[in-house]
Each structure stands twice: as C-alpha cells, then as structure tokens.
Amino acid sequence: WVAAISYIPHTTNYADSVKGRFTISRDNTKNMLYLRMTD
C-alpha cells in the first residue's frame, strides 16, 4: 500500500516510506485519481 484518499471529506493517508514525497488527490468531476511523486 502506498497512499489512499477517502470519499468526502477526502481524508488522505500515506505509507511512511512515501510520506512527504508523494501526494494523492482526486478530481471527482473527471473521475480521476492522481499520485504526484517527488524526490
């Protein structure tokens, strides 16, 4: 497991190994999920 985002209120959760480097987000208007990975 890497990251997760809930339905509203869009609570996010990250594995320790990626915390601070990865960002999970979603666009419900487009049925899209994203994972921004840095460093």
Full PDB file with SEQRES, HELIX, SHEET, SSBOND, CRYST1, ORIGX, SCALE, CONECT and MASTER records, all heavy atoms in Angstrom:
SEQRES   1 A   39  TRP VAL ALA ALA ILE SER TYR ILE PRO HIS THR THR ASN          
SEQRES   2 A   39  TYR ALA ASP SER VAL LYS GLY ARG PHE THR ILE SER ARG          
SEQRES   3 A   39  ASP ASN THR LYS ASN MET LEU TYR LEU ARG MET THR ASP          
SHEET    1 AA1 2 ALA A   3  ILE A   5  0                                        
SHEET    2 AA1 2 THR A  12  TYR A  14 -1                                        
SHEET    1 AA2 2 PHE A  22  ASP A  27  0                                        
SHEET    2 AA2 2 MET A  32  MET A  37 -1                                        
CRYST1    1.000    1.000    1.000  90.00  90.00  90.00 P 1           1          
ORIGX1      1.000000  0.000000  0.000000        0.00000                         
ORIGX2      0.000000  1.000000  0.000000        0.00000                         
ORIGX3      0.000000  0.000000  1.000000        0.00000                         
SCALE1      1.000000  0.000000  0.000000        0.00000                         
SCALE2      0.000000  1.000000  0.000000        0.00000                         
SCALE3      0.000000  0.000000  1.000000        0.00000                         
ATOM      1  N   TRP A   1       0.831  -1.194   0.000  1.00  0.00           N  
ATOM      2  CA  TRP A   1       0.000   0.000   0.000  1.00  0.00           C  
ATOM      3  C   TRP A   1       0.873   1.254   0.000  1.00  0.00           C  
ATOM      4  O   TRP A   1       1.887   1.312   0.720  1.00  0.00           O  
ATOM      5  CB  TRP A   1      -0.916   0.013   1.215  1.00  0.00           C  
ATOM      6  CG  TRP A   1      -1.610   1.310   1.426  1.00  0.00           C  
ATOM      7  CD1 TRP A   1      -2.620   1.853   0.684  1.00  0.00           C  
ATOM      8  CD2 TRP A   1      -1.316   2.271   2.447  1.00  0.00           C  
ATOM      9  NE1 TRP A   1      -2.980   3.071   1.176  1.00  0.00           N  
ATOM     10  CE2 TRP A   1      -2.201   3.348   2.269  1.00  0.00           C  
ATOM     11  CE3 TRP A   1      -0.407   2.316   3.499  1.00  0.00           C  
ATOM     12  CZ2 TRP A   1      -2.193   4.464   3.095  1.00  0.00           C  
ATOM     13  CZ3 TRP A   1      -0.399   3.419   4.325  1.00  0.00           C  
ATOM     14  CH2 TRP A   1      -1.286   4.480   4.116  1.00  0.00           C  
ATOM     15  N   VAL A   2       0.486   2.268  -0.775  1.00  0.00           N  
ATOM     16  CA  VAL A   2       1.259   3.492  -0.899  1.00  0.00           C  
ATOM     17  C   VAL A   2       0.510   4.684  -0.319  1.00  0.00           C  
ATOM     18  O   VAL A   2       1.043   5.432   0.500  1.00  0.00           O  
ATOM     19  CB  VAL A   2       1.600   3.770  -2.379  1.00  0.00           C  
ATOM     20  CG1 VAL A   2       2.302   5.116  -2.540  1.00  0.00           C  
ATOM     21  CG2 VAL A   2       2.454   2.649  -2.960  1.00  0.00           C  
ATOM     22  N   ALA A   3      -0.728   4.892  -0.778  1.00  0.00           N  
ATOM     23  CA  ALA A   3      -1.494   6.062  -0.355  1.00  0.00           C  
ATOM     24  C   ALA A   3      -2.966   5.801  -0.600  1.00  0.00           C  
ATOM     25  O   ALA A   3      -3.322   4.952  -1.415  1.00  0.00           O  
ATOM     26  CB  ALA A   3      -1.045   7.305  -1.111  1.00  0.00           C  
ATOM     27  N   ALA A   4      -3.802   6.548   0.102  1.00  0.00           N  
ATOM     28  CA  ALA A   4      -5.242   6.392  -0.055  1.00  0.00           C  
ATOM     29  C   ALA A   4      -5.932   7.720   0.186  1.00  0.00           C  
ATOM     30  O   ALA A   4      -5.427   8.580   0.915  1.00  0.00           O  
ATOM     31  CB  ALA A   4      -5.771   5.336   0.898  1.00  0.00           C  
ATOM     32  N   ILE A   5      -7.099   7.852  -0.448  1.00  0.00           N  
ATOM     33  CA  ILE A   5      -7.919   9.046  -0.256  1.00  0.00           C  
ATOM     34  C   ILE A   5      -9.359   8.594  -0.163  1.00  0.00           C  
ATOM     35  O   ILE A   5      -9.844   7.792  -0.961  1.00  0.00           O  
ATOM     36  CB  ILE A   5      -7.703  10.060  -1.399  1.00  0.00           C  
ATOM     37  CG1 ILE A   5      -8.484  11.351  -1.137  1.00  0.00           C  
ATOM     38  CG2 ILE A   5      -8.066   9.470  -2.759  1.00  0.00           C  
ATOM     39  CD1 ILE A   5      -8.060  12.505  -2.046  1.00  0.00           C  
ATOM     40  N   SER A   6     -10.054   9.097   0.837  1.00  0.00           N  
ATOM     41  CA  SER A   6     -11.427   8.663   1.070  1.00  0.00           C  
ATOM     42  C   SER A   6     -12.400   9.422   0.187  1.00  0.00           C  
ATOM     43  O   SER A   6     -12.050  10.362  -0.520  1.00  0.00           O  
ATOM     44  CB  SER A   6     -11.775   8.891   2.538  1.00  0.00           C  
ATOM     45  OG  SER A   6     -11.933  10.272   2.787  1.00  0.00           O  
ATOM     46  N   TYR A   7     -13.657   9.011   0.217  1.00  0.00           N  
ATOM     47  CA  TYR A   7     -14.742   9.834  -0.300  1.00  0.00           C  
ATOM     48  C   TYR A   7     -14.790  11.067   0.614  1.00  0.00           C  
ATOM     49  O   TYR A   7     -14.001  11.162   1.557  1.00  0.00           O  
ATOM     50  CB  TYR A   7     -16.055   9.056  -0.317  1.00  0.00           C  
ATOM     51  CG  TYR A   7     -16.158   8.000   0.752  1.00  0.00           C  
ATOM     52  CD1 TYR A   7     -16.428   8.331   2.063  1.00  0.00           C  
ATOM     53  CD2 TYR A   7     -15.944   6.654   0.452  1.00  0.00           C  
ATOM     54  CE1 TYR A   7     -16.495   7.374   3.048  1.00  0.00           C  
ATOM     55  CE2 TYR A   7     -16.018   5.678   1.427  1.00  0.00           C  
ATOM     56  CZ  TYR A   7     -16.291   6.049   2.732  1.00  0.00           C  
ATOM     57  OH  TYR A   7     -16.353   5.083   3.708  1.00  0.00           O  
ATOM     58  N   ILE A   8     -15.712  11.988   0.321  1.00  0.00           N  
ATOM     59  CA  ILE A   8     -15.779  13.226   1.102  1.00  0.00           C  
ATOM     60  C   ILE A   8     -15.761  12.918   2.588  1.00  0.00           C  
ATOM     61  O   ILE A   8     -16.517  12.037   3.026  1.00  0.00           O  
ATOM     62  CB  ILE A   8     -17.048  14.040   0.715  1.00  0.00           C  
ATOM     63  CG1 ILE A   8     -16.904  14.526  -0.733  1.00  0.00           C  
ATOM     64  CG2 ILE A   8     -17.261  15.214   1.666  1.00  0.00           C  
ATOM     65  CD1 ILE A   8     -18.117  15.237  -1.277  1.00  0.00           C  
ATOM     66  N   PRO A   9     -14.863  13.533   3.365  1.00  0.00           N  
ATOM     67  CA  PRO A   9     -14.123  14.772   3.152  1.00  0.00           C  
ATOM     68  C   PRO A   9     -12.726  14.608   2.556  1.00  0.00           C  
ATOM     69  O   PRO A   9     -11.873  15.470   2.733  1.00  0.00           O  
ATOM     70  CB  PRO A   9     -14.026  15.333   4.577  1.00  0.00           C  
ATOM     71  CG  PRO A   9     -13.901  14.129   5.425  1.00  0.00           C  
ATOM     72  CD  PRO A   9     -14.777  13.100   4.785  1.00  0.00           C  
ATOM     73  N   HIS A  10     -12.473  13.509   1.817  1.00  0.00           N  
ATOM     74  CA  HIS A  10     -11.197  13.331   1.140  1.00  0.00           C  
ATOM     75  C   HIS A  10     -10.030  13.267   2.119  1.00  0.00           C  
ATOM     76  O   HIS A  10      -8.985  13.881   1.915  1.00  0.00           O  
ATOM     77  CB  HIS A  10     -10.954  14.430   0.113  1.00  0.00           C  
ATOM     78  CG  HIS A  10     -11.943  14.403  -1.009  1.00  0.00           C  
ATOM     79  ND1 HIS A  10     -12.063  15.433  -1.923  1.00  0.00           N  
ATOM     80  CD2 HIS A  10     -12.870  13.491  -1.366  1.00  0.00           C  
ATOM     81  CE1 HIS A  10     -13.016  15.140  -2.775  1.00  0.00           C  
ATOM     82  NE2 HIS A  10     -13.533  13.976  -2.456  1.00  0.00           N  
ATOM     83  N   THR A  11     -10.210  12.493   3.148  1.00  0.00           N  
ATOM     84  CA  THR A  11      -9.122  12.207   4.065  1.00  0.00           C  
ATOM     85  C   THR A  11      -8.022  11.458   3.314  1.00  0.00           C  
ATOM     86  O   THR A  11      -8.307  10.556   2.527  1.00  0.00           O  
ATOM     87  CB  THR A  11      -9.620  11.332   5.220  1.00  0.00           C  
ATOM     88  OG1 THR A  11     -10.666  12.033   5.907  1.00  0.00           O  
ATOM     89  CG2 THR A  11      -8.503  11.023   6.188  1.00  0.00           C  
ATOM     90  N   THR A  12      -6.769  11.828   3.560  1.00  0.00           N  
ATOM     91  CA  THR A  12      -5.651  11.152   2.902  1.00  0.00           C  
ATOM     92  C   THR A  12      -4.800  10.411   3.924  1.00  0.00           C  
ATOM     93  O   THR A  12      -4.766  10.758   5.108  1.00  0.00           O  
ATOM     94  CB  THR A  12      -4.769  12.137   2.124  1.00  0.00           C  
ATOM     95  OG1 THR A  12      -4.281  13.139   3.024  1.00  0.00           O  
ATOM     96  CG2 THR A  12      -5.550  12.802   1.007  1.00  0.00           C  
ATOM     97  N   ASN A  13      -4.110   9.410   3.432  1.00  0.00           N  
ATOM     98  CA  ASN A  13      -3.268   8.578   4.283  1.00  0.00           C  
ATOM     99  C   ASN A  13      -2.098   8.086   3.455  1.00  0.00           C  
ATOM    100  O   ASN A  13      -2.267   7.755   2.268  1.00  0.00           O  
ATOM    101  CB  ASN A  13      -4.096   7.402   4.811  1.00  0.00           C  
ATOM    102  CG  ASN A  13      -3.517   6.799   6.060  1.00  0.00           C  
ATOM    103  OD1 ASN A  13      -2.535   7.283   6.607  1.00  0.00           O  
ATOM    104  ND2 ASN A  13      -4.141   5.735   6.541  1.00  0.00           N  
ATOM    105  N   TYR A  14      -0.917   8.030   4.046  1.00  0.00           N  
ATOM    106  CA  TYR A  14       0.289   7.668   3.295  1.00  0.00           C  
ATOM    107  C   TYR A  14       1.120   6.650   4.054  1.00  0.00           C  
ATOM    108  O   TYR A  14       1.212   6.693   5.291  1.00  0.00           O  
ATOM    109  CB  TYR A  14       1.162   8.907   3.051  1.00  0.00           C  
ATOM    110  CG  TYR A  14       0.506   9.960   2.209  1.00  0.00           C  
ATOM    111  CD1 TYR A  14      -0.200  11.002   2.793  1.00  0.00           C  
ATOM    112  CD2 TYR A  14       0.592   9.920   0.817  1.00  0.00           C  
ATOM    113  CE1 TYR A  14      -0.813  11.978   2.014  1.00  0.00           C  
ATOM    114  CE2 TYR A  14      -0.013  10.897   0.035  1.00  0.00           C  
ATOM    115  CZ  TYR A  14      -0.717  11.912   0.648  1.00  0.00           C  
ATOM    116  OH  TYR A  14      -1.326  12.874  -0.130  1.00  0.00           O  
ATOM    117  N   ALA A  15       1.759   5.795   3.304  1.00  0.00           N  
ATOM    118  CA  ALA A  15       2.750   4.911   3.899  1.00  0.00           C  
ATOM    119  C   ALA A  15       3.936   5.746   4.357  1.00  0.00           C  
ATOM    120  O   ALA A  15       4.276   6.760   3.731  1.00  0.00           O  
ATOM    121  CB  ALA A  15       3.204   3.862   2.877  1.00  0.00           C  
ATOM    122  N   ASP A  16       4.579   5.328   5.426  1.00  0.00           N  
ATOM    123  CA  ASP A  16       5.706   6.078   5.961  1.00  0.00           C  
ATOM    124  C   ASP A  16       6.807   6.264   4.917  1.00  0.00           C  
ATOM    125  O   ASP A  16       7.490   7.290   4.903  1.00  0.00           O  
ATOM    126  CB  ASP A  16       6.268   5.366   7.191  1.00  0.00           C  
ATOM    127  CG  ASP A  16       5.344   5.487   8.396  1.00  0.00           C  
ATOM    128  OD1 ASP A  16       4.472   6.371   8.396  1.00  0.00           O  
ATOM    129  OD2 ASP A  16       5.507   4.677   9.331  1.00  0.00           O  
ATOM    130  N   SER A  17       6.975   5.298   4.053  1.00  0.00           N  
ATOM    131  CA  SER A  17       8.070   5.337   3.084  1.00  0.00           C  
ATOM    132  C   SER A  17       7.893   6.431   2.032  1.00  0.00           C  
ATOM    133  O   SER A  17       8.856   6.815   1.362  1.00  0.00           O  
ATOM    134  CB  SER A  17       8.210   3.982   2.385  1.00  0.00           C  
ATOM    135  OG  SER A  17       7.002   3.654   1.718  1.00  0.00           O  
ATOM    136  N   VAL A  18       6.670   6.940   1.872  1.00  0.00           N  
ATOM    137  CA  VAL A  18       6.426   7.962   0.854  1.00  0.00           C  
ATOM    138  C   VAL A  18       5.916   9.260   1.435  1.00  0.00           C  
ATOM    139  O   VAL A  18       5.768  10.250   0.708  1.00  0.00           O  
ATOM    140  CB  VAL A  18       5.436   7.454  -0.219  1.00  0.00           C  
ATOM    141  CG1 VAL A  18       5.898   6.139  -0.806  1.00  0.00           C  
ATOM    142  CG2 VAL A  18       4.022   7.331   0.352  1.00  0.00           C  
ATOM    143  N   LYS A  19       5.675   9.287   2.725  1.00  0.00           N  
ATOM    144  CA  LYS A  19       5.115  10.474   3.370  1.00  0.00           C  
ATOM    145  C   LYS A  19       6.052  11.668   3.174  1.00  0.00           C  
ATOM    146  O   LYS A  19       7.258  11.562   3.378  1.00  0.00           O  
ATOM    147  CB  LYS A  19       4.896  10.195   4.849  1.00  0.00           C  
ATOM    148  CG  LYS A  19       3.965  11.159   5.552  1.00  0.00           C  
ATOM    149  CD  LYS A  19       3.655  10.672   6.964  1.00  0.00           C  
ATOM    150  CE  LYS A  19       2.858   9.385   6.953  1.00  0.00           C  
ATOM    151  NZ  LYS A  19       2.500   8.930   8.321  1.00  0.00           N  
ATOM    152  N   GLY A  20       5.480  12.787   2.759  1.00  0.00           N  
ATOM    153  CA  GLY A  20       6.278  13.980   2.497  1.00  0.00           C  
ATOM    154  C   GLY A  20       6.816  14.063   1.085  1.00  0.00           C  
ATOM    155  O   GLY A  20       7.279  15.124   0.653  1.00  0.00           O  
ATOM    156  N   ARG A  21       6.752  12.959   0.331  1.00  0.00           N  
ATOM    157  CA  ARG A  21       7.240  12.961  -1.048  1.00  0.00           C  
ATOM    158  C   ARG A  21       6.105  12.745  -2.056  1.00  0.00           C  
ATOM    159  O   ARG A  21       6.158  13.262  -3.164  1.00  0.00           O  
ATOM    160  CB  ARG A  21       8.286  11.855  -1.243  1.00  0.00           C  
ATOM    161  CG  ARG A  21       9.509  11.997  -0.367  1.00  0.00           C  
ATOM    162  CD  ARG A  21      10.597  10.980  -0.768  1.00  0.00           C  
ATOM    163  NE  ARG A  21      10.150   9.609  -0.589  1.00  0.00           N  
ATOM    164  CZ  ARG A  21      10.113   8.710  -1.573  1.00  0.00           C  
ATOM    165  NH1 ARG A  21      10.481   9.047  -2.792  1.00  0.00           N  
ATOM    166  NH2 ARG A  21       9.717   7.466  -1.321  1.00  0.00           N  
ATOM    167  N   PHE A  22       5.116  11.964  -1.675  1.00  0.00           N  
ATOM    168  CA  PHE A  22       4.006  11.644  -2.573  1.00  0.00           C  
ATOM    169  C   PHE A  22       2.743  12.375  -2.108  1.00  0.00           C  
ATOM    170  O   PHE A  22       2.528  12.566  -0.904  1.00  0.00           O  
ATOM    171  CB  PHE A  22       3.713  10.147  -2.573  1.00  0.00           C  
ATOM    172  CG  PHE A  22       4.757   9.298  -3.238  1.00  0.00           C  
ATOM    173  CD1 PHE A  22       6.004   9.798  -3.601  1.00  0.00           C  
ATOM    174  CD2 PHE A  22       4.495   7.968  -3.512  1.00  0.00           C  
ATOM    175  CE1 PHE A  22       6.962   9.017  -4.214  1.00  0.00           C  
ATOM    176  CE2 PHE A  22       5.438   7.160  -4.133  1.00  0.00           C  
ATOM    177  CZ  PHE A  22       6.678   7.681  -4.472  1.00  0.00           C  
ATOM    178  N   THR A  23       1.905  12.745  -3.074  1.00  0.00           N  
ATOM    179  CA  THR A  23       0.632  13.392  -2.776  1.00  0.00           C  
ATOM    180  C   THR A  23      -0.464  12.735  -3.598  1.00  0.00           C  
ATOM    181  O   THR A  23      -0.370  12.683  -4.835  1.00  0.00           O  
ATOM    182  CB  THR A  23       0.678  14.890  -3.100  1.00  0.00           C  
ATOM    183  OG1 THR A  23       1.733  15.510  -2.357  1.00  0.00           O  
ATOM    184  CG2 THR A  23      -0.642  15.553  -2.727  1.00  0.00           C  
ATOM    185  N   ILE A  24      -1.476  12.256  -2.921  1.00  0.00           N  
ATOM    186  CA  ILE A  24      -2.617  11.659  -3.599  1.00  0.00           C  
ATOM    187  C   ILE A  24      -3.724  12.702  -3.680  1.00  0.00           C  
ATOM    188  O   ILE A  24      -3.934  13.485  -2.745  1.00  0.00           O  
ATOM    189  CB  ILE A  24      -3.106  10.391  -2.866  1.00  0.00           C  
ATOM    190  CG1 ILE A  24      -4.171   9.663  -3.690  1.00  0.00           C  
ATOM    191  CG2 ILE A  24      -3.602  10.700  -1.462  1.00  0.00           C  
ATOM    192  CD1 ILE A  24      -4.530   8.295  -3.129  1.00  0.00           C  
ATOM    193  N   SER A  25      -4.422  12.711  -4.806  1.00  0.00           N  
ATOM    194  CA  SER A  25      -5.526  13.650  -4.982  1.00  0.00           C  
ATOM    195  C   SER A  25      -6.535  13.042  -5.950  1.00  0.00           C  
ATOM    196  O   SER A  25      -6.237  12.060  -6.635  1.00  0.00           O  
ATOM    197  CB  SER A  25      -5.024  15.000  -5.499  1.00  0.00           C  
ATOM    198  OG  SER A  25      -4.415  14.870  -6.762  1.00  0.00           O  
ATOM    199  N   ARG A  26      -7.686  13.655  -6.006  1.00  0.00           N  
ATOM    200  CA  ARG A  26      -8.727  13.160  -6.893  1.00  0.00           C  
ATOM    201  C   ARG A  26      -9.516  14.330  -7.469  1.00  0.00           C  
ATOM    202  O   ARG A  26      -9.627  15.382  -6.842  1.00  0.00           O  
ATOM    203  CB  ARG A  26      -9.661  12.198  -6.164  1.00  0.00           C  
ATOM    204  CG  ARG A  26     -10.430  12.812  -5.006  1.00  0.00           C  
ATOM    205  CD  ARG A  26     -11.077  11.761  -4.123  1.00  0.00           C  
ATOM    206  NE  ARG A  26     -12.067  10.977  -4.869  1.00  0.00           N  
ATOM    207  CZ  ARG A  26     -12.587   9.833  -4.423  1.00  0.00           C  
ATOM    208  NH1 ARG A  26     -12.208   9.357  -3.260  1.00  0.00           N  
ATOM    209  NH2 ARG A  26     -13.494   9.194  -5.148  1.00  0.00           N  
ATOM    210  N   ASP A  27     -10.062  14.125  -8.656  1.00  0.00           N  
ATOM    211  CA  ASP A  27     -10.941  15.095  -9.285  1.00  0.00           C  
ATOM    212  C   ASP A  27     -12.241  14.358  -9.590  1.00  0.00           C  
ATOM    213  O   ASP A  27     -12.325  13.609 -10.578  1.00  0.00           O  
ATOM    214  CB  ASP A  27     -10.311  15.658 -10.559  1.00  0.00           C  
ATOM    215  CG  ASP A  27     -11.150  16.757 -11.193  1.00  0.00           C  
ATOM    216  OD1 ASP A  27     -12.341  16.858 -10.863  1.00  0.00           O  
ATOM    217  OD2 ASP A  27     -10.609  17.499 -12.022  1.00  0.00           O  
ATOM    218  N   ASN A  28     -13.219  14.542  -8.753  1.00  0.00           N  
ATOM    219  CA  ASN A  28     -14.466  13.806  -8.903  1.00  0.00           C  
ATOM    220  C   ASN A  28     -15.250  14.232 -10.143  1.00  0.00           C  
ATOM    221  O   ASN A  28     -16.098  13.479 -10.627  1.00  0.00           O  
ATOM    222  CB  ASN A  28     -15.331  13.974  -7.656  1.00  0.00           C  
ATOM    223  CG  ASN A  28     -14.740  13.285  -6.444  1.00  0.00           C  
ATOM    224  OD1 ASN A  28     -13.997  12.306  -6.576  1.00  0.00           O  
ATOM    225  ND2 ASN A  28     -15.048  13.802  -5.270  1.00  0.00           N  
ATOM    226  N   THR A  29     -14.992  15.425 -10.650  1.00  0.00           N  
ATOM    227  CA  THR A  29     -15.702  15.876 -11.849  1.00  0.00           C  
ATOM    228  C   THR A  29     -15.206  15.148 -13.093  1.00  0.00           C  
ATOM    229  O   THR A  29     -15.908  15.108 -14.105  1.00  0.00           O  
ATOM    230  CB  THR A  29     -15.533  17.383 -12.056  1.00  0.00           C  
ATOM    231  OG1 THR A  29     -14.155  17.670 -12.350  1.00  0.00           O  
ATOM    232  CG2 THR A  29     -15.959  18.155 -10.817  1.00  0.00           C  
ATOM    233  N   LYS A  30     -14.003  14.572 -13.003  1.00  0.00           N  
ATOM    234  CA  LYS A  30     -13.408  13.886 -14.148  1.00  0.00           C  
ATOM    235  C   LYS A  30     -13.214  12.397 -13.889  1.00  0.00           C  
ATOM    236  O   LYS A  30     -12.635  11.702 -14.732  1.00  0.00           O  
ATOM    237  CB  LYS A  30     -12.057  14.521 -14.495  1.00  0.00           C  
ATOM    238  CG  LYS A  30     -12.148  15.991 -14.889  1.00  0.00           C  
ATOM    239  CD  LYS A  30     -10.765  16.551 -15.200  1.00  0.00           C  
ATOM    240  CE  LYS A  30     -10.855  18.015 -15.593  1.00  0.00           C  
ATOM    241  NZ  LYS A  30      -9.520  18.591 -15.873  1.00  0.00           N  
ATOM    242  N   ASN A  31     -13.650  11.912 -12.754  1.00  0.00           N  
ATOM    243  CA  ASN A  31     -13.423  10.503 -12.378  1.00  0.00           C  
ATOM    244  C   ASN A  31     -11.935  10.153 -12.422  1.00  0.00           C  
ATOM    245  O   ASN A  31     -11.547   9.092 -12.926  1.00  0.00           O  
ATOM    246  CB  ASN A  31     -14.203   9.552 -13.304  1.00  0.00           C  
ATOM    247  CG  ASN A  31     -15.683   9.553 -13.027  1.00  0.00           C  
ATOM    248  OD1 ASN A  31     -16.196  10.432 -12.329  1.00  0.00           O  
ATOM    249  ND2 ASN A  31     -16.394   8.586 -13.572  1.00  0.00           N  
ATOM    250  N   MET A  32     -11.122  11.035 -11.887  1.00  0.00           N  
ATOM    251  CA  MET A  32      -9.676  10.866 -11.959  1.00  0.00           C  
ATOM    252  C   MET A  32      -9.058  10.801 -10.567  1.00  0.00           C  
ATOM    253  O   MET A  32      -9.474  11.497  -9.631  1.00  0.00           O  
ATOM    254  CB  MET A  32      -9.029  12.026 -12.722  1.00  0.00           C  
ATOM    255  CG  MET A  32      -9.374  12.069 -14.197  1.00  0.00           C  
ATOM    256  SD  MET A  32      -8.696  10.691 -15.147  1.00  0.00           S  
ATOM    257  CE  MET A  32      -6.940  10.994 -14.968  1.00  0.00           C  
ATOM    258  N   LEU A  33      -8.035   9.975 -10.466  1.00  0.00           N  
ATOM    259  CA  LEU A  33      -7.203   9.848  -9.275  1.00  0.00           C  
ATOM    260  C   LEU A  33      -5.775  10.126  -9.700  1.00  0.00           C  
ATOM    261  O   LEU A  33      -5.360   9.728 -10.792  1.00  0.00           O  
ATOM    262  CB  LEU A  33      -7.306   8.439  -8.694  1.00  0.00           C  
ATOM    263  CG  LEU A  33      -6.400   8.120  -7.508  1.00  0.00           C  
ATOM    264  CD1 LEU A  33      -6.898   8.845  -6.251  1.00  0.00           C  
ATOM    265  CD2 LEU A  33      -6.352   6.619  -7.268  1.00  0.00           C  
ATOM    266  N   TYR A  34      -5.027  10.793  -8.823  1.00  0.00           N  
ATOM    267  CA  TYR A  34      -3.648  11.143  -9.148  1.00  0.00           C  
ATOM    268  C   TYR A  34      -2.712  10.746  -8.015  1.00  0.00           C  
ATOM    269  O   TYR A  34      -3.115  10.656  -6.856  1.00  0.00           O  
ATOM    270  CB  TYR A  34      -3.522  12.655  -9.383  1.00  0.00           C  
ATOM    271  CG  TYR A  34      -4.441  13.189 -10.449  1.00  0.00           C  
ATOM    272  CD1 TYR A  34      -5.638  13.811 -10.117  1.00  0.00           C  
ATOM    273  CD2 TYR A  34      -4.117  13.067 -11.800  1.00  0.00           C  
ATOM    274  CE1 TYR A  34      -6.483  14.301 -11.094  1.00  0.00           C  
ATOM    275  CE2 TYR A  34      -4.967  13.561 -12.778  1.00  0.00           C  
ATOM    276  CZ  TYR A  34      -6.149  14.172 -12.418  1.00  0.00           C  
ATOM    277  OH  TYR A  34      -6.987  14.647 -13.389  1.00  0.00           O  
ATOM    278  N   LEU A  35      -1.449  10.558  -8.404  1.00  0.00           N  
ATOM    279  CA  LEU A  35      -0.396  10.379  -7.406  1.00  0.00           C  
ATOM    280  C   LEU A  35       0.805  11.189  -7.880  1.00  0.00           C  
ATOM    281  O   LEU A  35       1.466  10.823  -8.846  1.00  0.00           O  
ATOM    282  CB  LEU A  35      -0.010   8.911  -7.243  1.00  0.00           C  
ATOM    283  CG  LEU A  35       1.003   8.640  -6.135  1.00  0.00           C  
ATOM    284  CD1 LEU A  35       0.391   8.922  -4.763  1.00  0.00           C  
ATOM    285  CD2 LEU A  35       1.522   7.194  -6.187  1.00  0.00           C  
ATOM    286  N   ARG A  36       1.044  12.290  -7.207  1.00  0.00           N  
ATOM    287  CA  ARG A  36       2.202  13.111  -7.500  1.00  0.00           C  
ATOM    288  C   ARG A  36       3.374  12.582  -6.687  1.00  0.00           C  
ATOM    289  O   ARG A  36       3.310  12.534  -5.466  1.00  0.00           O  
ATOM    290  CB  ARG A  36       1.919  14.570  -7.144  1.00  0.00           C  
ATOM    291  CG  ARG A  36       3.101  15.516  -7.303  1.00  0.00           C  
ATOM    292  CD  ARG A  36       3.546  15.647  -8.741  1.00  0.00           C  
ATOM    293  NE  ARG A  36       4.601  16.650  -8.887  1.00  0.00           N  
ATOM    294  CZ  ARG A  36       5.327  16.803  -9.993  1.00  0.00           C  
ATOM    295  NH1 ARG A  36       5.116  16.017 -11.045  1.00  0.00           N  
ATOM    296  NH2 ARG A  36       6.247  17.753 -10.047  1.00  0.00           N  
ATOM    297  N   MET A  37       4.438  12.188  -7.378  1.00  0.00           N  
ATOM    298  CA  MET A  37       5.600  11.601  -6.724  1.00  0.00           C  
ATOM    299  C   MET A  37       6.803  12.507  -6.952  1.00  0.00           C  
ATOM    300  O   MET A  37       7.154  12.793  -8.106  1.00  0.00           O  
ATOM    301  CB  MET A  37       5.882  10.207  -7.296  1.00  0.00           C  
ATOM    302  CG  MET A  37       4.679   9.268  -7.234  1.00  0.00           C  
ATOM    303  SD  MET A  37       5.035   7.613  -7.825  1.00  0.00           S  
ATOM    304  CE  MET A  37       5.331   7.950  -9.555  1.00  0.00           C  
ATOM    305  N   THR A  38       7.389  12.951  -5.874  1.00  0.00           N  
ATOM    306  CA  THR A  38       8.573  13.805  -5.967  1.00  0.00           C  
ATOM    307  C   THR A  38       9.743  13.151  -5.256  1.00  0.00           C  
ATOM    308  O   THR A  38       9.559  12.210  -4.474  1.00  0.00           O  
ATOM    309  CB  THR A  38       8.297  15.188  -5.354  1.00  0.00           C  
ATOM    310  OG1 THR A  38       8.042  15.044  -3.960  1.00  0.00           O  
ATOM    311  CG2 THR A  38       7.112  15.858  -6.029  1.00  0.00           C  
ATOM    312  N   ASP A  39      10.939  13.676  -5.530  1.00  0.00           N  
ATOM    313  CA  ASP A  39      12.163  13.142  -4.920  1.00  0.00           C  
ATOM    314  C   ASP A  39      12.180  11.611  -4.994  1.00  0.00           C  
ATOM    315  O   ASP A  39      12.390  10.912  -3.993  1.00  0.00           O  
ATOM    316  CB  ASP A  39      12.264  13.607  -3.468  1.00  0.00           C  
ATOM    317  CG  ASP A  39      13.608  13.292  -2.840  1.00  0.00           C  
ATOM    318  OD1 ASP A  39      14.597  13.125  -3.584  1.00  0.00           O  
ATOM    319  OD2 ASP A  39      13.678  13.189  -1.594  1.00  0.00           O  
TER     320      ASP A  39                                                      
MASTER        0    0    0    0    4    0    0    6  319    1    0    3          
END                                                                             
